[in-house]
Amino acid sequence: MQFAALAKVNLTLDVVGKRLDGYHLLEGIYHAVNLYDTIQIEKSVEVSVESSIALPENNSVIRAVNEYKKRTGCGGAAVKVTKRIPSEAGLGGASADAAAVLRGMHRLYGILSHSELFDAALSVGADVPFCLAGGTALVGGIGEILTPLPHNRYHFLIVMDGPGISTKELFSKLVLPLRHPDNGAAVQSIRENDATALGKRMFNSLEAPAILINPKILEIKQRMLARGALGSSMTGSGSAVIGLFEDRKKAQAAAETFHDCAFVSVTESSYPTDVIYI
């Protein structure tokens, strides 16, 4: 079986507090797009992972397979990963891969309930439950609170240049409180399918501290706005920057001016049919 592991972008992202165990509490609007890695998964006695690029030893794919096995006692899986989502970009590539693997394990073995599958996803990583659900949602807590929102079709330009940013490193250096987005207004813009209003509400509380690590984030954001983006912000913990555009043609025209950057992608909101290929 083959699955598309869809990237996510953050239309807003806020850090609202910190738990006693050190985990930061987040609230933001997550949105699945049709930039994706490809996951091929088959039943196997053992657990094996092949990837088009080198993955960390304890990568999210291995963790997802092992989490499912631990909870069910099922067999193993042979997984092949074709990477397209850049790492340390804030696009949820590792989480998307893990979610696709959990979806694949569920299709292969069919043992866990819906709620148990989401519990397994949260055990693998904070963004994995959203990547498992897809669509658009207001996400809270450490990733376990998902409030579904209308999944409107938007057009994005994603650009990344300079060093990637380690999520762990960035959060370790945060000094709270940070400036907050207006999540309520952004949610209303989505409910009204008003892309212009949504663009004005795009904001990421992590952007300012991330710019201290990679100043190109601010440069890319300013260039996007100058080229007609309705709004622009860093996604996740960076260092990719997203621009929301009125249509694909305008996003593509802007993309042609970023030939000097390491990663440039014109994409749009995912369709439900983008999730699974068999």
C-alpha atoms as a PDB file:
ATOM      1  CA  MET A   1       0.000   0.000   0.000  1.00  0.00           C
ATOM      2  CA  GLN A   2       1.133   3.535  -0.712  1.00  0.00           C
ATOM      3  CA  PHE A   3       0.180   6.625   1.260  1.00  0.00           C
ATOM      4  CA  ALA A   4       0.727  10.355   0.804  1.00  0.00           C
ATOM      5  CA  ALA A   5       2.130  11.860   4.009  1.00  0.00           C
ATOM      6  CA  LEU A   6       0.790  15.407   3.761  1.00  0.00           C
ATOM      7  CA  ALA A   7       2.720  18.408   5.052  1.00  0.00           C
ATOM      8  CA  LYS A   8       1.002  20.913   7.306  1.00  0.00           C
ATOM      9  CA  VAL A   9       1.303  24.679   7.490  1.00  0.00           C
ATOM     10  CA  ASN A  10       0.480  26.864  10.468  1.00  0.00           C
ATOM     11  CA  LEU A  11      -1.829  29.749   9.632  1.00  0.00           C
ATOM     12  CA  THR A  12      -1.422  30.869  13.237  1.00  0.00           C
ATOM     13  CA  LEU A  13       0.659  29.520  16.099  1.00  0.00           C
ATOM     14  CA  ASP A  14       0.725  30.630  19.724  1.00  0.00           C
ATOM     15  CA  VAL A  15       2.656  29.508  22.795  1.00  0.00           C
ATOM     16  CA  VAL A  16       0.188  29.899  25.659  1.00  0.00           C
ATOM     17  CA  GLY A  17       2.128  28.371  28.548  1.00  0.00           C
ATOM     18  CA  LYS A  18       4.460  25.695  29.821  1.00  0.00           C
ATOM     19  CA  ARG A  19       3.629  22.572  31.809  1.00  0.00           C
ATOM     20  CA  LEU A  20       5.546  21.457  34.885  1.00  0.00           C
ATOM     21  CA  ASP A  21       7.049  18.604  32.850  1.00  0.00           C
ATOM     22  CA  GLY A  22       8.608  21.118  30.443  1.00  0.00           C
ATOM     23  CA  TYR A  23       6.215  20.695  27.515  1.00  0.00           C
ATOM     24  CA  HIS A  24       4.974  23.945  26.000  1.00  0.00           C
ATOM     25  CA  LEU A  25       1.239  24.438  25.499  1.00  0.00           C
ATOM     26  CA  LEU A  26       0.328  25.591  21.995  1.00  0.00           C
ATOM     27  CA  GLU A  27      -2.737  26.883  20.215  1.00  0.00           C
ATOM     28  CA  GLY A  28      -2.835  27.430  16.481  1.00  0.00           C
ATOM     29  CA  ILE A  29      -4.534  26.738  13.192  1.00  0.00           C
ATOM     30  CA  TYR A  30      -3.062  23.793  11.309  1.00  0.00           C
ATOM     31  CA  HIS A  31      -3.831  23.216   7.624  1.00  0.00           C
ATOM     32  CA  ALA A  32      -2.901  20.223   5.446  1.00  0.00           C
ATOM     33  CA  VAL A  33      -1.425  20.928   2.001  1.00  0.00           C
ATOM     34  CA  ASN A  34      -0.624  18.718  -0.974  1.00  0.00           C
ATOM     35  CA  LEU A  35       3.142  18.793  -0.536  1.00  0.00           C
ATOM     36  CA  TYR A  36       3.841  15.244   0.597  1.00  0.00           C
ATOM     37  CA  ASP A  37       6.268  12.419   1.248  1.00  0.00           C
ATOM     38  CA  THR A  38       5.331   8.992  -0.088  1.00  0.00           C
ATOM     39  CA  ILE A  39       5.099   6.044   2.293  1.00  0.00           C
ATOM     40  CA  GLN A  40       4.979   2.484   0.967  1.00  0.00           C
ATOM     41  CA  ILE A  41       4.176  -0.125   3.608  1.00  0.00           C
ATOM     42  CA  GLU A  42       3.746  -3.898   3.516  1.00  0.00           C
ATOM     43  CA  LYS A  43       3.424  -6.641   6.107  1.00  0.00           C
ATOM     44  CA  SER A  44       6.684  -8.197   7.266  1.00  0.00           C
ATOM     45  CA  VAL A  45       7.917 -10.383  10.104  1.00  0.00           C
ATOM     46  CA  GLU A  46      10.545  -7.786  11.029  1.00  0.00           C
ATOM     47  CA  VAL A  47      10.561  -3.979  11.014  1.00  0.00           C
ATOM     48  CA  SER A  48      12.594  -2.360   8.233  1.00  0.00           C
ATOM     49  CA  VAL A  49      12.785   1.180   6.875  1.00  0.00           C
ATOM     50  CA  GLU A  50      14.306   2.391   3.610  1.00  0.00           C
ATOM     51  CA  SER A  51      14.418   6.088   2.795  1.00  0.00           C
ATOM     52  CA  SER A  52      15.434   8.278  -0.124  1.00  0.00           C
ATOM     53  CA  ILE A  53      17.492  10.335   2.351  1.00  0.00           C
ATOM     54  CA  ALA A  54      19.221   9.416   5.582  1.00  0.00           C
ATOM     55  CA  LEU A  55      16.902   9.410   8.598  1.00  0.00           C
ATOM     56  CA  PRO A  56      17.855   9.631  12.289  1.00  0.00           C
ATOM     57  CA  GLU A  57      18.343   6.253  13.956  1.00  0.00           C
ATOM     58  CA  ASN A  58      15.273   6.714  16.185  1.00  0.00           C
ATOM     59  CA  ASN A  59      13.165   8.262  13.441  1.00  0.00           C
ATOM     60  CA  SER A  60       9.408   8.854  13.514  1.00  0.00           C
ATOM     61  CA  VAL A  61       8.706   5.994  11.100  1.00  0.00           C
ATOM     62  CA  ILE A  62      10.388   3.418  13.353  1.00  0.00           C
ATOM     63  CA  ARG A  63       8.668   4.898  16.401  1.00  0.00           C
ATOM     64  CA  ALA A  64       5.250   4.718  14.720  1.00  0.00           C
ATOM     65  CA  VAL A  65       5.637   1.065  13.723  1.00  0.00           C
ATOM     66  CA  ASN A  66       6.924   0.108  17.150  1.00  0.00           C
ATOM     67  CA  GLU A  67       4.170   2.042  18.935  1.00  0.00           C
ATOM     68  CA  TYR A  68       1.508   0.192  16.965  1.00  0.00           C
ATOM     69  CA  LYS A  69       3.227  -3.150  17.605  1.00  0.00           C
ATOM     70  CA  LYS A  70       3.560  -2.397  21.331  1.00  0.00           C
ATOM     71  CA  ARG A  71      -0.151  -1.644  21.647  1.00  0.00           C
ATOM     72  CA  THR A  72      -1.407  -4.568  19.583  1.00  0.00           C
ATOM     73  CA  GLY A  73       1.186  -7.337  19.503  1.00  0.00           C
ATOM     74  CA  CYS A  74       0.865  -7.404  15.708  1.00  0.00           C
ATOM     75  CA  GLY A  75       3.552  -8.295  13.178  1.00  0.00           C
ATOM     76  CA  GLY A  76       6.096  -5.975  11.620  1.00  0.00           C
ATOM     77  CA  ALA A  77       6.234  -3.882   8.493  1.00  0.00           C
ATOM     78  CA  ALA A  78       8.577  -3.051   5.633  1.00  0.00           C
ATOM     79  CA  VAL A  79       8.418   0.694   4.994  1.00  0.00           C
ATOM     80  CA  LYS A  80       9.872   2.715   2.124  1.00  0.00           C
ATOM     81  CA  VAL A  81       9.951   6.521   2.444  1.00  0.00           C
ATOM     82  CA  THR A  82      10.346   8.951  -0.446  1.00  0.00           C
ATOM     83  CA  LYS A  83      11.063  12.368   1.041  1.00  0.00           C
ATOM     84  CA  ARG A  84       9.902  15.652  -0.500  1.00  0.00           C
ATOM     85  CA  ILE A  85       9.125  17.685   2.630  1.00  0.00           C
ATOM     86  CA  PRO A  86      12.301  19.399   3.869  1.00  0.00           C
ATOM     87  CA  SER A  87      13.431  18.746   7.434  1.00  0.00           C
ATOM     88  CA  GLU A  88      13.685  21.411  10.154  1.00  0.00           C
ATOM     89  CA  ALA A  89      11.196  23.472   8.154  1.00  0.00           C
ATOM     90  CA  GLY A  90       8.136  23.541  10.423  1.00  0.00           C
ATOM     91  CA  LEU A  91       6.128  21.633   7.803  1.00  0.00           C
ATOM     92  CA  GLY A  92       5.629  18.525   9.925  1.00  0.00           C
ATOM     93  CA  GLY A  93       7.442  16.123   7.616  1.00  0.00           C
ATOM     94  CA  ALA A  94       8.452  13.614  10.284  1.00  0.00           C
ATOM     95  CA  SER A  95       4.997  13.806  11.883  1.00  0.00           C
ATOM     96  CA  ALA A  96       3.306  13.325   8.510  1.00  0.00           C
ATOM     97  CA  ASP A  97       5.439  10.246   7.860  1.00  0.00           C
ATOM     98  CA  ALA A  98       4.539   8.806  11.270  1.00  0.00           C
ATOM     99  CA  ALA A  99       0.831   9.458  10.707  1.00  0.00           C
ATOM    100  CA  ALA A 100       0.946   7.752   7.312  1.00  0.00           C
ATOM    101  CA  VAL A 101       2.706   4.746   8.847  1.00  0.00           C
ATOM    102  CA  LEU A 102       0.083   4.492  11.607  1.00  0.00           C
ATOM    103  CA  ARG A 103      -2.627   4.691   8.965  1.00  0.00           C
ATOM    104  CA  GLY A 104      -0.834   1.960   7.042  1.00  0.00           C
ATOM    105  CA  MET A 105      -0.427  -0.280  10.082  1.00  0.00           C
ATOM    106  CA  HIS A 106      -4.118   0.164  10.799  1.00  0.00           C
ATOM    107  CA  ARG A 107      -4.995  -0.848   7.252  1.00  0.00           C
ATOM    108  CA  LEU A 108      -2.673  -3.863   7.431  1.00  0.00           C
ATOM    109  CA  TYR A 109      -3.709  -5.136  10.859  1.00  0.00           C
ATOM    110  CA  GLY A 110      -6.937  -3.276  11.782  1.00  0.00           C
ATOM    111  CA  ILE A 111      -6.679  -3.805  15.531  1.00  0.00           C
ATOM    112  CA  LEU A 112      -6.927  -0.382  17.221  1.00  0.00           C
ATOM    113  CA  SER A 113     -10.071   1.697  17.577  1.00  0.00           C
ATOM    114  CA  HIS A 114     -10.207   5.249  16.219  1.00  0.00           C
ATOM    115  CA  SER A 115      -9.497   6.770  19.637  1.00  0.00           C
ATOM    116  CA  GLU A 116      -6.720   4.276  20.350  1.00  0.00           C
ATOM    117  CA  LEU A 117      -5.071   5.140  17.031  1.00  0.00           C
ATOM    118  CA  PHE A 118      -5.036   8.826  17.982  1.00  0.00           C
ATOM    119  CA  ASP A 119      -3.611   7.977  21.407  1.00  0.00           C
ATOM    120  CA  ALA A 120      -0.831   6.096  19.641  1.00  0.00           C
ATOM    121  CA  ALA A 121      -0.251   9.102  17.371  1.00  0.00           C
ATOM    122  CA  LEU A 122       0.193  11.437  20.352  1.00  0.00           C
ATOM    123  CA  SER A 123       2.698   9.024  21.887  1.00  0.00           C
ATOM    124  CA  VAL A 124       4.812   9.256  18.738  1.00  0.00           C
ATOM    125  CA  GLY A 125       4.811  13.070  18.477  1.00  0.00           C
ATOM    126  CA  ALA A 126       2.853  16.242  19.200  1.00  0.00           C
ATOM    127  CA  ASP A 127       1.903  16.998  15.569  1.00  0.00           C
ATOM    128  CA  VAL A 128       1.100  13.406  14.629  1.00  0.00           C
ATOM    129  CA  PRO A 129      -2.583  13.487  15.725  1.00  0.00           C
ATOM    130  CA  PHE A 130      -3.276  16.434  13.404  1.00  0.00           C
ATOM    131  CA  CYS A 131      -1.366  14.812  10.551  1.00  0.00           C
ATOM    132  CA  LEU A 132      -3.468  11.703  11.100  1.00  0.00           C
ATOM    133  CA  ALA A 133      -6.698  13.741  10.985  1.00  0.00           C
ATOM    134  CA  GLY A 134      -5.703  16.116   8.156  1.00  0.00           C
ATOM    135  CA  GLY A 135      -7.898  18.947   6.917  1.00  0.00           C
ATOM    136  CA  THR A 136      -7.923  22.135   8.985  1.00  0.00           C
ATOM    137  CA  ALA A 137      -8.140  22.360  12.763  1.00  0.00           C
ATOM    138  CA  LEU A 138      -7.556  24.603  15.737  1.00  0.00           C
ATOM    139  CA  VAL A 139      -4.993  22.577  17.671  1.00  0.00           C
ATOM    140  CA  GLY A 140      -4.354  23.031  21.384  1.00  0.00           C
ATOM    141  CA  GLY A 141      -2.572  21.535  24.376  1.00  0.00           C
ATOM    142  CA  ILE A 142       0.506  19.590  23.269  1.00  0.00           C
ATOM    143  CA  GLY A 143      -1.286  18.541  20.083  1.00  0.00           C
ATOM    144  CA  GLU A 144      -4.046  16.389  21.560  1.00  0.00           C
ATOM    145  CA  ILE A 145      -6.929  18.908  21.347  1.00  0.00           C
ATOM    146  CA  LEU A 146      -8.265  19.169  17.783  1.00  0.00           C
ATOM    147  CA  THR A 147     -11.241  21.333  16.844  1.00  0.00           C
ATOM    148  CA  PRO A 148     -12.063  20.728  13.156  1.00  0.00           C
ATOM    149  CA  LEU A 149     -12.591  23.790  10.938  1.00  0.00           C
ATOM    150  CA  PRO A 150     -13.800  24.150   7.334  1.00  0.00           C
ATOM    151  CA  HIS A 151     -11.089  22.941   4.972  1.00  0.00           C
ATOM    152  CA  ASN A 152     -11.217  25.743   2.401  1.00  0.00           C
ATOM    153  CA  ARG A 153      -8.989  25.714  -0.661  1.00  0.00           C
ATOM    154  CA  TYR A 154      -6.090  28.162  -0.378  1.00  0.00           C
ATOM    155  CA  HIS A 155      -2.985  28.759  -2.486  1.00  0.00           C
ATOM    156  CA  PHE A 156       0.448  28.924  -0.893  1.00  0.00           C
ATOM    157  CA  LEU A 157       4.050  29.624  -1.701  1.00  0.00           C
ATOM    158  CA  ILE A 158       6.523  27.896   0.631  1.00  0.00           C
ATOM    159  CA  VAL A 159      10.121  29.118   0.708  1.00  0.00           C
ATOM    160  CA  MET A 160      13.051  28.040   2.858  1.00  0.00           C
ATOM    161  CA  ASP A 161      16.626  29.240   2.857  1.00  0.00           C
ATOM    162  CA  GLY A 162      19.472  29.321   5.322  1.00  0.00           C
ATOM    163  CA  PRO A 163      19.754  26.908   8.238  1.00  0.00           C
ATOM    164  CA  GLY A 164      16.887  24.739   9.388  1.00  0.00           C
ATOM    165  CA  ILE A 165      15.764  25.132  12.975  1.00  0.00           C
ATOM    166  CA  SER A 166      15.696  22.391  15.597  1.00  0.00           C
ATOM    167  CA  THR A 167      12.330  22.454  17.361  1.00  0.00           C
ATOM    168  CA  LYS A 168      13.927  21.258  20.584  1.00  0.00           C
ATOM    169  CA  GLU A 169      16.613  23.956  20.435  1.00  0.00           C
ATOM    170  CA  LEU A 170      14.138  26.753  19.702  1.00  0.00           C
ATOM    171  CA  PHE A 171      11.754  25.808  22.510  1.00  0.00           C
ATOM    172  CA  SER A 172      14.637  25.448  24.968  1.00  0.00           C
ATOM    173  CA  LYS A 173      15.514  29.114  24.399  1.00  0.00           C
ATOM    174  CA  LEU A 174      11.987  30.576  24.602  1.00  0.00           C
ATOM    175  CA  VAL A 175      11.307  33.306  27.113  1.00  0.00           C
ATOM    176  CA  LEU A 176       7.590  33.655  27.837  1.00  0.00           C
ATOM    177  CA  PRO A 177       5.326  35.487  27.362  1.00  0.00           C
ATOM    178  CA  LEU A 178       5.467  35.964  23.607  1.00  0.00           C
ATOM    179  CA  ARG A 179       3.246  38.112  21.410  1.00  0.00           C
ATOM    180  CA  HIS A 180      -0.012  36.323  20.600  1.00  0.00           C
ATOM    181  CA  PRO A 181      -1.996  35.879  17.363  1.00  0.00           C
ATOM    182  CA  ASP A 182      -5.738  36.556  17.256  1.00  0.00           C
ATOM    183  CA  ASN A 183      -6.834  32.957  16.809  1.00  0.00           C
ATOM    184  CA  GLY A 184     -10.491  33.833  17.235  1.00  0.00           C
ATOM    185  CA  ALA A 185     -10.447  36.296  14.347  1.00  0.00           C
ATOM    186  CA  ALA A 186      -8.468  33.878  12.189  1.00  0.00           C
ATOM    187  CA  VAL A 187     -10.989  31.103  12.867  1.00  0.00           C
ATOM    188  CA  GLN A 188     -13.822  33.451  11.898  1.00  0.00           C
ATOM    189  CA  SER A 189     -12.027  34.285   8.641  1.00  0.00           C
ATOM    190  CA  ILE A 190     -11.860  30.576   7.852  1.00  0.00           C
ATOM    191  CA  ARG A 191     -15.518  30.025   8.697  1.00  0.00           C
ATOM    192  CA  GLU A 192     -16.385  32.898   6.333  1.00  0.00           C
ATOM    193  CA  ASN A 193     -13.928  31.629   3.692  1.00  0.00           C
ATOM    194  CA  ASP A 194     -12.361  35.097   3.551  1.00  0.00           C
ATOM    195  CA  ALA A 195      -8.756  34.614   2.422  1.00  0.00           C
ATOM    196  CA  THR A 196      -7.967  38.336   2.530  1.00  0.00           C
ATOM    197  CA  ALA A 197      -9.033  38.605   6.163  1.00  0.00           C
ATOM    198  CA  LEU A 198      -7.185  35.397   7.007  1.00  0.00           C
ATOM    199  CA  GLY A 199      -3.989  36.744   5.460  1.00  0.00           C
ATOM    200  CA  LYS A 200      -4.123  39.733   7.793  1.00  0.00           C
ATOM    201  CA  ARG A 201      -4.441  37.388  10.791  1.00  0.00           C
ATOM    202  CA  MET A 202      -1.540  35.062   9.958  1.00  0.00           C
ATOM    203  CA  PHE A 203       0.935  35.196  12.843  1.00  0.00           C
ATOM    204  CA  ASN A 204       3.408  32.844  14.511  1.00  0.00           C
ATOM    205  CA  SER A 205       4.623  33.592  18.038  1.00  0.00           C
ATOM    206  CA  LEU A 206       7.794  31.579  17.379  1.00  0.00           C
ATOM    207  CA  GLU A 207       8.788  33.708  14.407  1.00  0.00           C
ATOM    208  CA  ALA A 208      10.638  36.465  16.289  1.00  0.00           C
ATOM    209  CA  PRO A 209      12.907  34.100  18.289  1.00  0.00           C
ATOM    210  CA  ALA A 210      13.475  31.968  15.166  1.00  0.00           C
ATOM    211  CA  ILE A 211      14.647  35.020  13.199  1.00  0.00           C
ATOM    212  CA  LEU A 212      17.502  35.368  15.703  1.00  0.00           C
ATOM    213  CA  ILE A 213      18.702  31.938  14.514  1.00  0.00           C
ATOM    214  CA  ASN A 214      17.927  32.427  10.810  1.00  0.00           C
ATOM    215  CA  PRO A 215      17.503  36.089   9.756  1.00  0.00           C
ATOM    216  CA  LYS A 216      16.494  35.003   6.233  1.00  0.00           C
ATOM    217  CA  ILE A 217      13.053  34.176   7.624  1.00  0.00           C
ATOM    218  CA  LEU A 218      12.265  37.886   7.900  1.00  0.00           C
ATOM    219  CA  GLU A 219      13.769  38.647   4.485  1.00  0.00           C
ATOM    220  CA  ILE A 220      11.663  35.953   2.788  1.00  0.00           C
ATOM    221  CA  LYS A 221       8.509  37.131   4.551  1.00  0.00           C
ATOM    222  CA  GLN A 222       9.067  40.724   3.420  1.00  0.00           C
ATOM    223  CA  ARG A 223       9.731  39.599  -0.153  1.00  0.00           C
ATOM    224  CA  MET A 224       6.518  37.563  -0.217  1.00  0.00           C
ATOM    225  CA  LEU A 225       4.435  40.488   0.981  1.00  0.00           C
ATOM    226  CA  ALA A 226       6.077  42.742  -1.600  1.00  0.00           C
ATOM    227  CA  ARG A 227       5.100  40.244  -4.305  1.00  0.00           C
ATOM    228  CA  GLY A 228       1.417  40.262  -3.457  1.00  0.00           C
ATOM    229  CA  ALA A 229       0.913  37.736  -0.672  1.00  0.00           C
ATOM    230  CA  LEU A 230      -2.304  38.293   1.295  1.00  0.00           C
ATOM    231  CA  GLY A 231      -0.322  37.324   4.367  1.00  0.00           C
ATOM    232  CA  SER A 232       2.933  35.629   5.275  1.00  0.00           C
ATOM    233  CA  SER A 233       4.474  34.006   8.329  1.00  0.00           C
ATOM    234  CA  MET A 234       6.891  31.326   9.387  1.00  0.00           C
ATOM    235  CA  THR A 235       5.285  27.899   9.759  1.00  0.00           C
ATOM    236  CA  GLY A 236       5.766  25.766  12.863  1.00  0.00           C
ATOM    237  CA  SER A 237       9.155  26.234  14.468  1.00  0.00           C
ATOM    238  CA  GLY A 238      10.655  27.157  11.098  1.00  0.00           C
ATOM    239  CA  SER A 239      12.541  27.830   9.115  1.00  0.00           C
ATOM    240  CA  ALA A 240      10.139  27.650   6.147  1.00  0.00           C
ATOM    241  CA  VAL A 241       7.979  30.694   5.413  1.00  0.00           C
ATOM    242  CA  ILE A 242       4.532  30.483   3.856  1.00  0.00           C
ATOM    243  CA  GLY A 243       2.726  33.069   1.776  1.00  0.00           C
ATOM    244  CA  LEU A 244      -1.037  32.967   1.189  1.00  0.00           C
ATOM    245  CA  PHE A 245      -2.000  34.085  -2.326  1.00  0.00           C
ATOM    246  CA  GLU A 246      -5.259  34.898  -4.074  1.00  0.00           C
ATOM    247  CA  ASP A 247      -4.740  32.164  -6.678  1.00  0.00           C
ATOM    248  CA  ARG A 248      -2.147  29.691  -7.950  1.00  0.00           C
ATOM    249  CA  LYS A 249      -1.088  31.954 -10.840  1.00  0.00           C
ATOM    250  CA  LYS A 250      -0.050  34.727  -8.438  1.00  0.00           C
ATOM    251  CA  ALA A 251       1.726  32.261  -6.171  1.00  0.00           C
ATOM    252  CA  GLN A 252       3.619  30.849  -9.151  1.00  0.00           C
ATOM    253  CA  ALA A 253       4.621  34.330 -10.357  1.00  0.00           C
ATOM    254  CA  ALA A 254       6.008  35.117  -6.904  1.00  0.00           C
ATOM    255  CA  ALA A 255       7.825  31.764  -6.767  1.00  0.00           C
ATOM    256  CA  GLU A 256       9.793  32.647  -9.895  1.00  0.00           C
ATOM    257  CA  THR A 257      11.480  35.484  -7.975  1.00  0.00           C
ATOM    258  CA  PHE A 258      12.863  33.127  -5.297  1.00  0.00           C
ATOM    259  CA  HIS A 259      15.284  31.211  -7.536  1.00  0.00           C
ATOM    260  CA  ASP A 260      18.072  32.128  -5.098  1.00  0.00           C
ATOM    261  CA  CYS A 261      16.498  30.119  -2.255  1.00  0.00           C
ATOM    262  CA  ALA A 262      17.164  26.473  -1.399  1.00  0.00           C
ATOM    263  CA  PHE A 263      13.532  25.269  -1.326  1.00  0.00           C
ATOM    264  CA  VAL A 264      10.588  26.772  -3.210  1.00  0.00           C
ATOM    265  CA  SER A 265       7.190  25.100  -3.617  1.00  0.00           C
ATOM    266  CA  VAL A 266       3.821  26.311  -4.890  1.00  0.00           C
ATOM    267  CA  THR A 267       1.092  24.251  -3.301  1.00  0.00           C
ATOM    268  CA  GLU A 268      -2.515  24.371  -2.201  1.00  0.00           C
ATOM    269  CA  SER A 269      -4.855  22.876   0.353  1.00  0.00           C
ATOM    270  CA  SER A 270      -5.074  19.107   0.250  1.00  0.00           C
ATOM    271  CA  TYR A 271      -8.022  17.259  -1.225  1.00  0.00           C
ATOM    272  CA  PRO A 272      -9.386  14.312   0.797  1.00  0.00           C
ATOM    273  CA  THR A 273      -8.267  12.102  -2.096  1.00  0.00           C
ATOM    274  CA  ASP A 274      -4.659  13.217  -1.593  1.00  0.00           C
ATOM    275  CA  VAL A 275      -4.350  10.997   1.489  1.00  0.00           C
ATOM    276  CA  ILE A 276      -4.237   7.409   0.228  1.00  0.00           C
ATOM    277  CA  TYR A 277      -3.069   5.676  -2.920  1.00  0.00           C
ATOM    278  CA  ILE A 278      -3.467   1.893  -3.177  1.00  0.00           C
END
